[in-house]
């Protein structure tokens, strides 16, 4: 369990779909479509859709590995 220390910067574990879109260099609309198709991993909390940074990194790593295989 992580202990929260006052005045320490919080390291976010998720991005909004808009932030993930900017990080991937795609449009906001395309990112929402990819989330709906299950291509971008997401967590739904209430009406919010959040993209886990760890999941996004795994997605990118698997895409790079897939393109490098013969």
Protein backbone atom coordinates (compact mmCIF):
# COMPACT_ATOMS: atom_id res chain seq x y z
CA UNK A 1 0.00 0.00 0.00
CA UNK A 2 1.29 3.46 -0.87
CA UNK A 3 1.37 6.11 1.82
CA UNK A 4 0.38 9.62 0.76
CA UNK A 5 2.81 12.22 2.06
CA UNK A 6 1.53 15.81 2.23
CA UNK A 7 3.22 18.25 -0.18
CA UNK A 8 4.62 15.40 -2.28
CA UNK A 9 3.73 15.53 -5.98
CA UNK A 10 1.08 12.99 -6.96
CA UNK A 11 2.11 10.65 -9.75
CA UNK A 12 -0.96 10.00 -11.84
CA UNK A 13 -1.63 6.44 -12.90
CA UNK A 14 -4.16 7.31 -15.58
CA UNK A 15 -4.78 9.73 -18.43
CA UNK A 16 -8.02 11.09 -19.78
CA UNK A 17 -8.94 9.90 -23.26
CA UNK A 18 -8.02 13.37 -24.54
CA UNK A 19 -4.57 13.19 -22.91
CA UNK A 20 -4.02 9.68 -24.29
CA UNK A 21 -5.00 10.92 -27.76
CA UNK A 22 -2.44 13.73 -27.58
CA UNK A 23 0.23 11.31 -26.33
CA UNK A 24 -0.50 8.93 -29.22
CA UNK A 25 -0.77 11.69 -31.82
CA UNK A 26 -4.33 10.82 -32.79
CA UNK A 27 -7.54 12.82 -32.70
CA UNK A 28 -9.83 12.90 -29.70
CA UNK A 29 -12.65 11.33 -31.74
CA UNK A 30 -10.41 8.52 -33.00
CA UNK A 31 -9.24 7.82 -29.43
CA UNK A 32 -12.84 7.53 -28.20
CA UNK A 33 -13.60 5.18 -31.13
CA UNK A 34 -10.55 3.05 -30.25
CA UNK A 35 -11.70 2.90 -26.60
CA UNK A 36 -15.18 1.79 -27.74
CA UNK A 37 -13.60 -0.95 -29.91
CA UNK A 38 -11.41 -2.08 -27.02
CA UNK A 39 -8.18 -1.14 -28.81
CA UNK A 40 -7.15 1.32 -26.10
CA UNK A 41 -7.43 -0.07 -22.56
CA UNK A 42 -9.66 1.92 -20.25
CA UNK A 43 -11.23 2.05 -16.81
CA UNK A 44 -14.71 3.45 -16.37
CA UNK A 45 -15.42 5.20 -13.09
CA UNK A 46 -18.90 6.61 -13.14
CA UNK A 47 -19.11 8.61 -16.37
CA UNK A 48 -15.34 9.10 -16.53
CA UNK A 49 -13.23 7.07 -18.90
CA UNK A 50 -9.60 6.81 -17.84
CA UNK A 51 -6.70 5.22 -19.69
CA UNK A 52 -4.18 3.49 -17.41
CA UNK A 53 -0.64 4.61 -18.27
CA UNK A 54 0.65 1.08 -17.63
CA UNK A 55 -1.92 -0.35 -20.06
CA UNK A 56 -1.06 2.24 -22.68
CA UNK A 57 2.64 1.39 -22.31
CA UNK A 58 1.90 -2.34 -22.70
CA UNK A 59 -0.17 -1.59 -25.81
CA UNK A 60 2.69 0.37 -27.36
CA UNK A 61 5.31 -2.24 -26.40
CA UNK A 62 3.25 -5.05 -27.92
CA UNK A 63 2.72 -3.03 -31.11
CA UNK A 64 6.46 -2.39 -31.44
CA UNK A 65 7.25 -6.07 -30.79
CA UNK A 66 4.65 -7.19 -33.34
CA UNK A 67 6.09 -4.95 -36.06
CA UNK A 68 9.65 -6.18 -35.37
CA UNK A 69 8.86 -9.90 -35.65
CA UNK A 70 9.74 -11.50 -39.02
